[in-house]
Amino acid sequence: MTDYNAQARNVNALYLSVPDATRLILAKGVKHCIAAIVDNLRQDFMRWGDFDKSARVANHSRDGVIELMPISDDSLYSFKYVNGHPSNTKLGLSTVMAFGVLSHVDTGTPLLLSELTLTTAMRTAATSVFAAQMLARPDSRVMALIGNGAQSEFQALAFQHLIGIEEVRLFDVDPSATAKLADNLQGSGLKVTVCNSTAEAVKGSDIVTTVTADKNYATIVTPELVEPGMHINAVGGDCPGKTELHADILDRASVFVEFAPQSRIEGEIQQMPADFAVTELWEVLQGHQAGRRDAQEVTVFDSVGFALEDYSALRFMYQSALELGLGERIALIPTLADPKNLFGLLR
C-alpha cells in the first residue's frame, strides 16, 4: 500500500508525462491496467459515503466543452481537466484530452500531476466492465460496438478479458475508423465482424456499447433494435444536448447511473422527467438494490463519467509509477526556508 502521508512530505510532485504513462501501460499491459482500475473502482464505490461528491463543472462553447471533475475523501483529493471537442480530429487533435492531479487532503500538497487522456480511455472501459459485471447476462459473448474512435479498442479488450466477449460487431459512420479498430484488434483473439449499419451490428448481440462523439440529440439505437436480455452500455451521451438512445428504450429498461445529479443533466436520462427512476451503481454493489433480475430484462448503463472513477484511476497510476520508478519530480509549488516569506524567492 502507498504511504500517502510519507509521500506528502515530498514537496516536489511526481509528474507522469504521456511517454512515462505509455511506458507504465506497456510494462503492466492494457489488460492488467484495466483490471486493476476495476478493482480500485470496486473498493472506492464500496465506500461511496466517504466521498465529498459533486457534479462536474462544465464550460460549454460552440464547438465543445471543457470540464473540471473534483472529488475527495478524508485522505486524498483529485480532479481531472477534460475537454470534448468532436471537430478536433479535423485539426489533427484528439476529441478528448485530459490531465489530472492527486493531492493530500491534510496539507493540500499535490502528490501527482498526470496525463489522463490514455488513462481516461482505460478508466472508461474499466467503468463499463465494472457496470457490466453487475448488469449484463453472465453468458454474454457478442458485443456490438457502435462508434469506433479512440475509446473503442479499450472497450473491446476490456469486455474480452473481463466479461468473456468473443465477438465484436463494429459500425461507425466513418469507415476508416472501423478499419482502424479492426486493424488494432488483429491478434487479440476476438472475432471481428465489420457491419454496414447500427441495426446489423446490434442484431444478435448480447451487449451493445455506444461510444459516438457527435454533440447532438441522436438516436443511435432505436426501440425495435433492442432484444430481450440485452445490456446497453451507453457511453457517448455525456453532456447536455447529447444522447445516443431513443427515450422509449429508457422507459422499457432498468436504468443504472453513476451519480444521478450529474446524469440527469448530462446523460441519456436528460430526456426523461426529473423523477424518472434510476439506480446508482453503488447501491447495487452494496446490496441495497438489485442489478439484473432475470435473463430477459433489458438493462442500460447510462455512463457519463464521474470523478470517483478518475480518483480510482489516478490511485492506480500513482502507485504503479512509484513501483516502476517512472515519472519525474517537478517543483510545482515553491520550497521555502520560511513558509511566510514567499517574496524571498524573488530576492
Protein backbone atom coordinates (compact mmCIF):
# COMPACT_ATOMS: atom_id res chain seq x y z
CA MET A 1 0.00 0.00 0.00
CA THR A 2 1.17 3.53 -0.76
CA ASP A 3 2.00 5.65 2.31
CA TYR A 4 0.34 8.89 1.21
CA ASN A 5 1.35 10.67 4.41
CA ALA A 6 5.02 9.97 3.75
CA GLN A 7 4.69 10.98 0.11
CA ALA A 8 3.03 14.27 1.11
CA ARG A 9 6.25 15.31 2.83
CA ASN A 10 7.93 15.42 -0.58
CA VAL A 11 7.03 18.92 -1.80
CA ASN A 12 8.03 18.11 -5.38
CA ALA A 13 5.09 16.41 -7.10
CA LEU A 14 5.53 13.35 -9.26
CA TYR A 15 4.90 14.25 -12.92
CA LEU A 16 3.69 11.43 -15.15
CA SER A 17 4.00 12.53 -18.77
CA VAL A 18 2.46 10.82 -21.78
CA PRO A 19 5.74 8.97 -22.57
CA ASP A 20 6.01 7.76 -18.98
CA ALA A 21 2.33 6.78 -18.82
CA THR A 22 2.82 4.87 -22.07
CA ARG A 23 5.81 3.04 -20.58
CA LEU A 24 3.75 2.23 -17.50
CA ILE A 25 0.84 0.80 -19.52
CA LEU A 26 3.17 -1.23 -21.76
CA ALA A 27 5.04 -2.57 -18.73
CA LYS A 28 1.83 -3.59 -16.95
CA GLY A 29 -0.21 -4.50 -20.05
CA VAL A 30 -3.52 -2.94 -21.04
CA LYS A 31 -5.49 -5.92 -19.69
CA HIS A 32 -3.81 -5.71 -16.29
CA CYS A 33 -4.21 -1.92 -16.08
CA ILE A 34 -7.93 -2.05 -16.79
CA ALA A 35 -8.43 -4.97 -14.40
CA ALA A 36 -6.55 -3.13 -11.64
CA ILE A 37 -8.66 0.00 -12.17
CA VAL A 38 -11.80 -2.15 -11.95
CA ASP A 39 -10.52 -3.43 -8.59
CA ASN A 40 -9.98 0.17 -7.42
CA LEU A 41 -13.46 1.13 -8.62
CA ARG A 42 -14.97 -1.71 -6.61
CA GLN A 43 -13.05 -0.65 -3.49
CA ASP A 44 -13.97 3.03 -3.88
CA PHE A 45 -17.64 2.56 -4.80
CA MET A 46 -18.00 0.26 -1.78
CA ARG A 47 -17.20 3.28 0.41
CA TRP A 48 -19.36 5.70 -1.55
CA GLY A 49 -20.43 7.54 1.60
CA ASP A 50 -16.84 8.50 2.43
CA PHE A 51 -16.55 10.88 -0.53
CA ASP A 52 -17.39 14.56 -0.89
CA LYS A 53 -19.19 14.39 -4.24
CA SER A 54 -20.42 16.96 -6.74
CA ALA A 55 -21.37 17.10 -10.40
CA ARG A 56 -18.55 18.31 -12.61
CA VAL A 57 -18.21 21.95 -13.57
CA ALA A 58 -18.62 22.45 -17.32
CA ASN A 59 -17.92 25.39 -19.61
CA HIS A 60 -19.68 24.98 -22.94
CA SER A 61 -18.76 26.65 -26.21
CA ARG A 62 -19.97 26.39 -29.78
CA ASP A 63 -17.54 23.58 -30.62
CA GLY A 64 -17.28 21.64 -27.39
CA VAL A 65 -16.96 21.59 -23.64
CA ILE A 66 -14.19 21.88 -21.02
CA GLU A 67 -14.86 20.31 -17.64
CA LEU A 68 -13.36 20.04 -14.17
CA MET A 69 -14.15 16.92 -12.14
CA PRO A 70 -13.27 17.12 -8.40
CA ILE A 71 -13.76 14.64 -5.56
CA SER A 72 -12.16 13.85 -2.20
CA ASP A 73 -12.31 11.64 0.86
CA ASP A 74 -10.57 12.27 4.19
CA SER A 75 -7.18 11.32 2.72
CA LEU A 76 -6.93 12.27 -0.95
CA TYR A 77 -8.33 14.92 -3.29
CA SER A 78 -8.33 14.57 -7.06
CA PHE A 79 -9.52 16.49 -10.04
CA LYS A 80 -9.48 15.99 -13.78
CA TYR A 81 -9.38 18.62 -16.51
CA VAL A 82 -11.00 17.19 -19.64
CA ASN A 83 -12.41 18.53 -22.89
CA GLY A 84 -14.78 17.16 -25.51
CA HIS A 85 -14.47 18.73 -28.97
CA PRO A 86 -15.80 16.37 -31.68
CA SER A 87 -14.44 18.51 -34.56
CA ASN A 88 -10.87 18.37 -33.21
CA THR A 89 -9.97 15.41 -35.41
CA LYS A 90 -10.23 17.69 -38.47
CA LEU A 91 -7.43 19.75 -36.90
CA GLY A 92 -5.28 16.73 -36.09
CA LEU A 93 -6.21 16.93 -32.40
CA SER A 94 -7.88 14.39 -30.11
CA THR A 95 -11.57 14.79 -29.37
CA VAL A 96 -10.83 14.18 -25.68
CA MET A 97 -7.70 15.47 -23.91
CA ALA A 98 -7.17 15.32 -20.17
CA PHE A 99 -4.79 15.69 -17.26
CA GLY A 100 -5.30 15.28 -13.53
CA VAL A 101 -3.99 15.92 -10.04
CA LEU A 102 -3.93 13.78 -6.91
CA SER A 103 -3.32 15.69 -3.68
CA HIS A 104 -3.01 15.04 0.04
CA VAL A 105 -6.08 16.36 1.87
CA ASP A 106 -4.43 17.20 5.19
CA THR A 107 -1.89 19.62 3.69
CA GLY A 108 -3.16 20.25 0.16
CA THR A 109 0.21 19.08 -1.15
CA PRO A 110 -0.01 17.83 -4.75
CA LEU A 111 1.29 14.27 -4.97
CA LEU A 112 0.80 13.60 -8.68
CA LEU A 113 0.33 15.58 -11.87
CA SER A 114 -0.54 13.12 -14.60
CA GLU A 115 -1.63 12.81 -18.18
CA LEU A 116 -5.17 11.44 -18.24
CA THR A 117 -6.00 11.06 -21.93
CA LEU A 118 -4.73 7.48 -22.14
CA THR A 119 -5.78 6.88 -18.56
CA THR A 120 -9.32 8.17 -19.17
CA ALA A 121 -9.72 5.69 -22.03
CA MET A 122 -8.73 2.86 -19.68
CA ARG A 123 -10.89 4.07 -16.78
CA THR A 124 -13.94 4.50 -19.05
CA ALA A 125 -13.52 0.94 -20.30
CA ALA A 126 -12.97 -0.20 -16.71
CA THR A 127 -16.18 1.52 -15.58
CA SER A 128 -18.12 -0.09 -18.46
CA VAL A 129 -16.87 -3.51 -17.38
CA PHE A 130 -17.49 -2.75 -13.70
CA ALA A 131 -21.14 -2.00 -14.53
CA ALA A 132 -21.49 -4.94 -16.93
CA GLN A 133 -20.28 -7.37 -14.25
CA MET A 134 -23.39 -6.40 -12.29
CA LEU A 135 -25.82 -5.86 -15.17
CA ALA A 136 -25.02 -7.98 -18.22
CA ARG A 137 -26.00 -11.64 -18.59
CA PRO A 138 -23.11 -13.86 -17.47
CA ASP A 139 -23.29 -15.79 -20.74
CA SER A 140 -22.77 -12.65 -22.89
CA ARG A 141 -20.36 -13.44 -25.73
CA VAL A 142 -21.20 -10.99 -28.55
CA MET A 143 -20.91 -7.21 -28.32
CA ALA A 144 -21.92 -4.55 -30.83
CA LEU A 145 -19.55 -1.60 -30.77
CA ILE A 146 -21.15 1.48 -32.31
CA GLY A 147 -18.62 4.29 -32.69
CA ASN A 148 -15.11 3.11 -33.49
CA GLY A 149 -12.97 6.07 -32.43
CA ALA A 150 -10.27 6.49 -29.81
CA GLN A 151 -12.15 4.75 -26.98
CA SER A 152 -13.22 1.66 -28.92
CA GLU A 153 -10.14 -0.57 -28.63
CA PHE A 154 -10.12 -0.19 -24.86
CA GLN A 155 -13.80 -1.13 -24.65
CA ALA A 156 -13.33 -4.18 -26.87
CA LEU A 157 -10.31 -5.51 -24.97
CA ALA A 158 -11.83 -4.82 -21.56
CA PHE A 159 -15.01 -6.73 -22.41
CA GLN A 160 -13.00 -9.58 -23.95
CA HIS A 161 -10.74 -10.15 -20.97
CA LEU A 162 -13.06 -9.27 -18.08
CA ILE A 163 -16.54 -10.20 -19.33
CA GLY A 164 -15.81 -13.02 -21.79
CA ILE A 165 -16.84 -11.36 -25.06
CA GLU A 166 -15.67 -13.43 -28.03
CA GLU A 167 -17.03 -11.44 -30.99
CA VAL A 168 -17.28 -7.69 -31.58
CA ARG A 169 -19.58 -6.37 -34.30
CA LEU A 170 -18.38 -2.98 -35.49
CA PHE A 171 -20.09 0.00 -37.07
CA ASP A 172 -19.15 3.65 -37.50
CA VAL A 173 -20.40 6.25 -39.95
CA ASP A 174 -16.70 6.75 -40.78
CA PRO A 175 -15.47 3.51 -42.42
CA SER A 176 -11.85 4.50 -41.81
CA ALA A 177 -12.47 4.45 -38.04
CA THR A 178 -13.82 0.90 -38.29
CA ALA A 179 -10.83 -0.13 -40.43
CA LYS A 180 -8.50 1.34 -37.81
CA LEU A 181 -10.24 -0.54 -34.99
CA ALA A 182 -10.28 -3.83 -36.91
CA ASP A 183 -6.56 -3.46 -37.63
CA ASN A 184 -5.73 -2.68 -33.99
CA LEU A 185 -7.67 -5.74 -32.83
CA GLN A 186 -5.73 -8.13 -35.07
CA GLY A 187 -4.10 -10.80 -32.96
CA SER A 188 -6.34 -10.08 -29.98
CA GLY A 189 -8.25 -13.35 -30.29
CA LEU A 190 -11.52 -11.52 -30.83
CA LYS A 191 -13.70 -12.37 -33.79
CA VAL A 192 -14.16 -9.02 -35.55
CA THR A 193 -17.22 -8.55 -37.77
CA VAL A 194 -17.50 -5.31 -39.76
CA CYS A 195 -21.13 -4.25 -40.27
CA ASN A 196 -22.83 -1.83 -42.62
CA SER A 197 -25.30 -0.32 -40.14
CA THR A 198 -26.14 0.00 -36.49
CA ALA A 199 -29.03 -2.41 -36.99
CA GLU A 200 -26.76 -5.05 -38.50
CA ALA A 201 -24.24 -4.69 -35.67
CA VAL A 202 -26.86 -4.83 -32.91
CA LYS A 203 -28.78 -7.84 -34.24
CA GLY A 204 -27.93 -10.90 -32.15
CA SER A 205 -25.64 -9.02 -29.76
CA ASP A 206 -25.74 -9.65 -26.03
CA ILE A 207 -24.19 -6.29 -25.15
CA VAL A 208 -24.46 -3.06 -27.14
CA THR A 209 -21.81 -0.41 -26.48
CA THR A 210 -22.37 3.03 -27.99
CA VAL A 211 -19.42 5.41 -27.87
CA THR A 212 -20.08 8.07 -30.50
CA ALA A 213 -18.70 11.61 -30.49
CA ASP A 214 -21.19 13.91 -32.21
CA LYS A 215 -22.62 16.52 -29.86
CA ASN A 216 -26.32 16.36 -30.62
CA TYR A 217 -29.56 14.69 -29.63
CA ALA A 218 -29.09 11.46 -31.56
CA THR A 219 -30.98 8.18 -31.56
CA ILE A 220 -28.19 5.77 -32.47
CA VAL A 221 -30.18 2.85 -31.05
CA THR A 222 -33.96 2.71 -31.51
CA PRO A 223 -36.51 0.50 -29.68
CA GLU A 224 -37.06 -2.04 -32.47
CA LEU A 225 -33.35 -2.98 -32.35
CA VAL A 226 -33.41 -3.94 -28.67
CA GLU A 227 -33.78 -7.65 -27.93
CA PRO A 228 -34.78 -9.26 -24.60
CA GLY A 229 -31.83 -9.76 -22.28
CA MET A 230 -29.61 -7.11 -23.86
CA HIS A 231 -27.34 -4.93 -21.80
CA ILE A 232 -26.78 -1.47 -23.31
CA ASN A 233 -23.59 0.31 -22.34
CA ALA A 234 -24.35 3.90 -23.40
CA VAL A 235 -21.06 5.79 -23.14
CA GLY A 236 -21.23 8.62 -25.68
CA GLY A 237 -24.10 10.70 -24.27
CA ASP A 238 -22.04 12.61 -21.73
CA CYS A 239 -23.05 16.27 -21.84
CA PRO A 240 -26.21 18.38 -22.12
CA GLY A 241 -27.71 18.19 -25.58
CA LYS A 242 -26.01 14.88 -26.44
CA THR A 243 -27.74 11.47 -26.43
CA GLU A 244 -27.50 8.11 -28.22
CA LEU A 245 -30.63 6.19 -27.20
CA HIS A 246 -34.28 6.68 -28.09
CA ALA A 247 -36.21 7.68 -24.96
CA ASP A 248 -38.60 4.72 -25.33
CA ILE A 249 -35.69 2.35 -24.65
CA LEU A 250 -35.16 4.00 -21.27
CA ASP A 251 -38.86 3.72 -20.45
CA ARG A 252 -38.80 -0.04 -21.05
CA ALA A 253 -35.42 -0.86 -19.45
CA SER A 254 -33.88 -0.84 -15.99
CA VAL A 255 -31.53 2.15 -15.98
CA PHE A 256 -28.37 2.45 -13.89
CA VAL A 257 -26.17 5.51 -13.43
CA GLU A 258 -23.05 6.65 -11.60
CA PHE A 259 -24.20 9.83 -9.82
CA ALA A 260 -27.81 10.75 -10.53
CA PRO A 261 -27.49 14.55 -10.01
CA GLN A 262 -24.90 14.66 -12.79
CA SER A 263 -26.51 12.04 -15.04
CA ARG A 264 -29.85 13.86 -15.08
CA ILE A 265 -28.07 16.87 -16.61
CA GLU A 266 -25.70 15.10 -19.00
CA GLY A 267 -26.77 11.51 -19.61
CA GLU A 268 -29.37 9.69 -21.63
CA ILE A 269 -31.83 10.40 -18.81
CA GLN A 270 -31.70 14.14 -19.56
CA GLN A 271 -34.54 13.21 -21.95
CA MET A 272 -36.68 11.91 -19.10
CA PRO A 273 -38.76 13.56 -16.34
CA ALA A 274 -36.89 14.69 -13.24
CA ASP A 275 -38.43 11.86 -11.19
CA PHE A 276 -37.54 9.12 -13.71
CA ALA A 277 -36.41 6.11 -11.65
CA VAL A 278 -32.74 5.14 -11.83
CA THR A 279 -30.38 3.11 -9.65
CA GLU A 280 -26.85 4.25 -8.79
CA LEU A 281 -24.13 1.61 -9.20
CA TRP A 282 -23.01 1.82 -5.59
CA GLU A 283 -26.50 0.77 -4.47
CA VAL A 284 -26.17 -2.47 -6.44
CA LEU A 285 -22.60 -3.08 -5.30
CA GLN A 286 -23.54 -2.63 -1.64
CA GLY A 287 -26.65 -4.83 -1.99
CA HIS A 288 -29.24 -2.10 -1.42
CA GLN A 289 -30.76 -2.55 -4.91
CA ALA A 290 -30.86 -5.37 -7.42
CA GLY A 291 -28.82 -5.36 -10.62
CA ARG A 292 -30.04 -7.65 -13.39
CA ARG A 293 -33.12 -9.51 -12.17
CA ASP A 294 -33.54 -12.14 -14.92
CA ALA A 295 -32.23 -13.23 -18.31
CA GLN A 296 -34.96 -11.40 -20.25
CA GLU A 297 -34.51 -7.99 -18.61
CA VAL A 298 -33.05 -5.13 -20.68
CA THR A 299 -30.52 -3.13 -18.68
CA VAL A 300 -28.97 0.23 -19.55
CA PHE A 301 -25.84 1.71 -18.03
CA ASP A 302 -26.13 5.44 -18.68
CA SER A 303 -22.43 6.20 -18.45
CA VAL A 304 -21.36 9.85 -18.32
CA GLY A 305 -18.07 9.57 -16.41
CA PHE A 306 -17.84 10.55 -12.76
CA ALA A 307 -14.95 11.99 -10.74
CA LEU A 308 -14.68 8.96 -8.46
CA GLU A 309 -13.60 6.90 -11.48
CA ASP A 310 -10.70 9.28 -12.13
CA TYR A 311 -9.79 9.13 -8.44
CA SER A 312 -9.61 5.33 -8.75
CA ALA A 313 -7.55 5.56 -11.92
CA LEU A 314 -5.16 8.18 -10.51
CA ARG A 315 -4.56 5.99 -7.47
CA PHE A 316 -3.58 3.15 -9.81
CA MET A 317 -1.30 5.31 -11.94
CA TYR A 318 0.42 6.83 -8.89
CA GLN A 319 1.03 3.51 -7.17
CA SER A 320 2.25 1.93 -10.41
CA ALA A 321 4.57 4.83 -11.24
CA LEU A 322 6.18 4.59 -7.79
CA GLU A 323 6.50 0.82 -8.15
CA LEU A 324 8.13 1.06 -11.59
CA GLY A 325 10.23 4.14 -10.87
CA LEU A 326 8.55 6.14 -13.62
CA GLY A 327 7.86 9.87 -13.75
CA GLU A 328 9.94 12.80 -12.60
CA ARG A 329 9.79 15.09 -9.60
CA ILE A 330 8.89 18.69 -10.51
CA ALA A 331 8.78 21.89 -8.49
CA LEU A 332 5.08 22.52 -8.98
CA ILE A 333 4.96 24.55 -5.75
CA PRO A 334 7.77 26.52 -4.09
CA THR A 335 10.04 25.14 -1.40
CA LEU A 336 10.55 27.86 1.20
CA ALA A 337 13.04 28.13 4.05
CA ASP A 338 10.49 30.40 5.69
CA PRO A 339 6.92 29.49 4.64
CA LYS A 340 5.81 33.05 5.46
CA ASN A 341 8.38 34.63 3.15
CA LEU A 342 7.16 33.87 -0.37
CA PHE A 343 8.59 37.16 -1.68
CA GLY A 344 12.02 35.94 -0.59
CA LEU A 345 12.10 33.74 -3.71
CA LEU A 346 12.36 36.89 -5.79
CA ARG A 347 15.26 38.48 -3.90
